[in-house]
Amino acid sequence: MWGTRHLTELQELRTDFNNFARGTGERVSSLEIQVKHEISRNGQPSRLQVIEDRVEPLSAWLWRMVGICAGVSVMFTVLGWLLKPWR
């Protein structure tokens, strides 16, 4: 039923699969090393840290503007309320 041709094909298939698995493992391993290197950068700021450092002042500016707009709005509301009886 199973001849040597079938066994040879199975051995070749197993060899191909093992080579594929080994190559995939090596690629995943190198990708992990690259990602860890990008995150840690060996004492230098990573790309993510650089972006966070650039976004932080923008976020502070945004909240500063929100506070200023809220203060101006309250000021106009109070002035409108104080000047209302004089109309």
Protein backbone atom coordinates (compact mmCIF):
# COMPACT_ATOMS: atom_id res chain seq x y z
CA MET A 1 0.00 0.00 0.00
CA TRP A 2 2.64 2.50 1.04
CA GLY A 3 5.61 2.28 -1.22
CA THR A 4 9.01 3.81 -0.95
CA ARG A 5 7.82 6.60 -3.22
CA HIS A 6 5.18 7.65 -0.69
CA LEU A 7 7.64 7.50 2.20
CA THR A 8 10.15 9.55 0.23
CA GLU A 9 7.48 12.16 -0.50
CA LEU A 10 6.53 12.30 3.18
CA GLN A 11 10.17 12.71 4.20
CA GLU A 12 10.61 15.51 1.65
CA LEU A 13 7.42 17.18 2.89
CA ARG A 14 8.62 16.93 6.49
CA THR A 15 12.01 18.37 5.50
CA ASP A 16 10.33 21.24 3.64
CA PHE A 17 8.06 21.93 6.62
CA ASN A 18 10.99 21.88 9.05
CA ASN A 19 12.96 24.28 6.84
CA PHE A 20 9.93 26.57 6.64
CA ALA A 21 9.42 26.46 10.42
CA ARG A 22 13.11 27.14 11.06
CA GLY A 23 13.14 30.06 8.63
CA THR A 24 9.95 31.49 10.11
CA GLY A 25 11.37 31.18 13.61
CA GLU A 26 14.52 33.00 12.56
CA ARG A 27 12.50 35.80 10.94
CA VAL A 28 10.28 36.19 14.01
CA SER A 29 13.34 36.21 16.25
CA SER A 30 15.05 38.93 14.22
CA LEU A 31 11.80 40.92 14.21
CA GLU A 32 11.60 40.68 18.01
CA ILE A 33 15.18 41.87 18.33
CA GLN A 34 14.48 44.77 15.99
CA VAL A 35 11.34 45.79 17.91
CA LYS A 36 13.15 45.59 21.25
CA HIS A 37 16.00 47.66 19.83
CA GLU A 38 13.55 50.28 18.52
CA ILE A 39 11.87 50.49 21.92
CA SER A 40 14.97 50.53 24.11
CA ARG A 41 17.50 52.19 21.78
CA ASN A 42 20.32 51.51 24.29
CA GLY A 43 20.05 54.71 26.31
CA GLN A 44 18.83 56.90 23.47
CA PRO A 45 15.20 57.97 23.21
CA SER A 46 13.11 55.69 21.04
CA ARG A 47 10.88 56.92 18.26
CA LEU A 48 7.87 56.52 20.51
CA GLN A 49 9.52 58.61 23.24
CA VAL A 50 10.43 61.32 20.72
CA ILE A 51 6.83 61.48 19.52
CA GLU A 52 5.50 61.57 23.08
CA ASP A 53 7.90 64.41 23.88
CA ARG A 54 6.62 66.36 20.89
CA VAL A 55 2.93 65.72 21.64
CA GLU A 56 3.14 66.65 25.32
CA PRO A 57 3.62 70.43 24.74
CA LEU A 58 0.78 70.39 22.22
CA SER A 59 -1.49 68.77 24.77
CA ALA A 60 -0.48 71.34 27.41
CA TRP A 61 -1.15 74.16 24.92
CA LEU A 62 -4.58 72.71 24.14
CA TRP A 63 -5.62 72.57 27.79
CA ARG A 64 -4.22 76.07 28.36
CA MET A 65 -6.41 77.37 25.54
CA VAL A 66 -9.44 75.53 26.93
CA GLY A 67 -8.85 77.19 30.31
CA ILE A 68 -8.46 80.63 28.75
CA CYS A 69 -11.66 80.19 26.70
CA ALA A 70 -13.55 79.03 29.78
CA GLY A 71 -12.28 82.02 31.77
CA VAL A 72 -13.26 84.48 29.05
CA SER A 73 -16.69 82.84 28.80
CA VAL A 74 -17.24 83.15 32.56
CA MET A 75 -16.08 86.78 32.45
CA PHE A 76 -18.58 87.66 29.69
CA THR A 77 -21.35 85.82 31.53
CA VAL A 78 -20.67 87.69 34.77
CA LEU A 79 -20.41 91.04 32.98
CA GLY A 80 -23.65 90.36 31.12
CA TRP A 81 -25.35 89.42 34.35
CA LEU A 82 -24.05 92.55 36.15
CA LEU A 83 -24.99 94.92 33.32
CA LYS A 84 -28.43 93.38 32.72
CA PRO A 85 -30.35 95.47 35.34
CA TRP A 86 -29.07 98.70 33.78
CA ARG A 87 -30.75 98.13 30.45
